[in-house]
Every structure is written in C-alpha cells, then in structure tokens.
Amino acid sequence: MVMKGLKAIRKKKGLNQLKVAMDLCISRECLSYYENGKRSPDIQMLCKLSDYYGVSIDYLIRGEEYSKDRQ
C-alpha cells in the first residue's frame, strides 16, 4: 500500500530520506520502501512516523486528516 502522506510530509518539511531514516534508526532504503509502497510499516513504526512528523497516522496513510463528514 502506498502511503500517500508519508512522502508528501517529508518533502513539505524539507527533509531528505537519509536524515529521516537516521533520526528513526532505520535504513534509507527501508524509508524509501515505505514511501513507495514496496513495504508497509508495522504499527510501532507508524506511531514513530506520526510522532516524528507531528501528523496523524491517518494523514500518513491517506494524505489527509480524518473527517467524520467523509463518506
């Protein structure tokens, strides 16, 4: 599954993959796989990514925040 918001938020914050990967203690390749849908992060990594970027897990996956009005 491609995580639509993951790559977008990294670029929006002006960070490169190597910086994020080093901060999260994962390889750059692993982060690239997450961003391109070749691998899916487990729930612990989703929580780390969410905390790191200051966005919801929903944003990381869908590229937008959750809305009750959404159908």
C-alpha atoms as a PDB file:
ATOM      1  CA  MET A   1       0.000   0.000   0.000  1.00  0.00           C
ATOM      2  CA  VAL A   2       1.359   3.406  -0.972  1.00  0.00           C
ATOM      3  CA  MET A   3       1.310   5.775   1.981  1.00  0.00           C
ATOM      4  CA  LYS A   4       0.172   8.933   0.227  1.00  0.00           C
ATOM      5  CA  GLY A   5       1.045  11.374   3.002  1.00  0.00           C
ATOM      6  CA  LEU A   6       4.420   9.981   4.061  1.00  0.00           C
ATOM      7  CA  LYS A   7       6.486  11.272   1.169  1.00  0.00           C
ATOM      8  CA  ALA A   8       4.454  14.487   0.949  1.00  0.00           C
ATOM      9  CA  ILE A   9       5.004  15.448   4.594  1.00  0.00           C
ATOM     10  CA  ARG A  10       8.736  14.716   4.365  1.00  0.00           C
ATOM     11  CA  LYS A  11       9.073  16.974   1.346  1.00  0.00           C
ATOM     12  CA  LYS A  12       6.832  19.643   2.886  1.00  0.00           C
ATOM     13  CA  LYS A  13       9.142  19.782   5.897  1.00  0.00           C
ATOM     14  CA  GLY A  14      12.212  19.978   3.644  1.00  0.00           C
ATOM     15  CA  LEU A  15      13.786  16.755   4.873  1.00  0.00           C
ATOM     16  CA  ASN A  16      15.663  14.159   2.872  1.00  0.00           C
ATOM     17  CA  GLN A  17      15.266  10.412   3.287  1.00  0.00           C
ATOM     18  CA  LEU A  18      18.685   9.934   4.860  1.00  0.00           C
ATOM     19  CA  LYS A  19      18.016  12.483   7.633  1.00  0.00           C
ATOM     20  CA  VAL A  20      14.632  10.948   8.496  1.00  0.00           C
ATOM     21  CA  ALA A  21      15.991   7.398   8.346  1.00  0.00           C
ATOM     22  CA  MET A  22      18.892   8.259  10.644  1.00  0.00           C
ATOM     23  CA  ASP A  23      16.579  10.014  13.115  1.00  0.00           C
ATOM     24  CA  LEU A  24      14.293   6.947  13.200  1.00  0.00           C
ATOM     25  CA  CYS A  25      17.174   4.407  13.273  1.00  0.00           C
ATOM     26  CA  ILE A  26      16.127   2.699  10.050  1.00  0.00           C
ATOM     27  CA  SER A  27      17.848   2.454   6.685  1.00  0.00           C
ATOM     28  CA  ARG A  28      17.188   4.960   3.935  1.00  0.00           C
ATOM     29  CA  GLU A  29      16.128   2.058   1.740  1.00  0.00           C
ATOM     30  CA  CYS A  30      13.527   0.990   4.296  1.00  0.00           C
ATOM     31  CA  LEU A  31      12.049   4.502   4.367  1.00  0.00           C
ATOM     32  CA  SER A  32      12.026   4.554   0.572  1.00  0.00           C
ATOM     33  CA  TYR A  33      10.150   1.238   0.540  1.00  0.00           C
ATOM     34  CA  TYR A  34       7.552   2.695   2.917  1.00  0.00           C
ATOM     35  CA  GLU A  35       7.122   5.806   0.787  1.00  0.00           C
ATOM     36  CA  ASN A  36       6.776   3.840  -2.448  1.00  0.00           C
ATOM     37  CA  GLY A  37       4.510   1.073  -1.174  1.00  0.00           C
ATOM     38  CA  LYS A  38       7.032  -1.741  -1.502  1.00  0.00           C
ATOM     39  CA  ARG A  39       6.835  -2.405   2.230  1.00  0.00           C
ATOM     40  CA  SER A  40       4.297  -1.482   4.894  1.00  0.00           C
ATOM     41  CA  PRO A  41       5.453  -0.249   8.302  1.00  0.00           C
ATOM     42  CA  ASP A  42       4.215  -2.044  11.396  1.00  0.00           C
ATOM     43  CA  ILE A  43       2.089  -0.195  13.945  1.00  0.00           C
ATOM     44  CA  GLN A  44       5.101   0.775  16.073  1.00  0.00           C
ATOM     45  CA  MET A  45       6.797   2.389  13.085  1.00  0.00           C
ATOM     46  CA  LEU A  46       3.559   4.141  12.101  1.00  0.00           C
ATOM     47  CA  CYS A  47       3.441   5.633  15.600  1.00  0.00           C
ATOM     48  CA  LYS A  48       7.089   6.738  15.348  1.00  0.00           C
ATOM     49  CA  LEU A  49       6.496   8.327  11.956  1.00  0.00           C
ATOM     50  CA  SER A  50       3.359  10.049  13.230  1.00  0.00           C
ATOM     51  CA  ASP A  51       5.198  11.475  16.245  1.00  0.00           C
ATOM     52  CA  TYR A  52       8.223  12.449  14.162  1.00  0.00           C
ATOM     53  CA  TYR A  53       6.226  14.462  11.650  1.00  0.00           C
ATOM     54  CA  GLY A  54       3.546  15.650  14.068  1.00  0.00           C
ATOM     55  CA  VAL A  55       0.666  14.309  11.978  1.00  0.00           C
ATOM     56  CA  SER A  56      -1.905  11.560  12.444  1.00  0.00           C
ATOM     57  CA  ILE A  57      -1.423   8.030  11.197  1.00  0.00           C
ATOM     58  CA  ASP A  58      -4.461   8.651   9.017  1.00  0.00           C
ATOM     59  CA  TYR A  59      -2.602  11.516   7.343  1.00  0.00           C
ATOM     60  CA  LEU A  60       0.444   9.341   6.698  1.00  0.00           C
ATOM     61  CA  ILE A  61      -1.669   6.681   5.021  1.00  0.00           C
ATOM     62  CA  ARG A  62      -4.311   8.723   3.197  1.00  0.00           C
ATOM     63  CA  GLY A  63      -2.596  12.058   2.709  1.00  0.00           C
ATOM     64  CA  GLU A  64      -5.353  13.875   4.588  1.00  0.00           C
ATOM     65  CA  GLU A  65      -6.667  14.080   8.124  1.00  0.00           C
ATOM     66  CA  TYR A  66      -9.669  12.017   9.179  1.00  0.00           C
ATOM     67  CA  SER A  67     -13.020  13.729   8.867  1.00  0.00           C
ATOM     68  CA  LYS A  68     -16.336  12.410  10.177  1.00  0.00           C
ATOM     69  CA  ASP A  69     -18.025  14.166   7.242  1.00  0.00           C
ATOM     70  CA  ARG A  70     -16.133  11.988   4.762  1.00  0.00           C
ATOM     71  CA  GLN A  71     -18.269   9.315   3.176  1.00  0.00           C
END
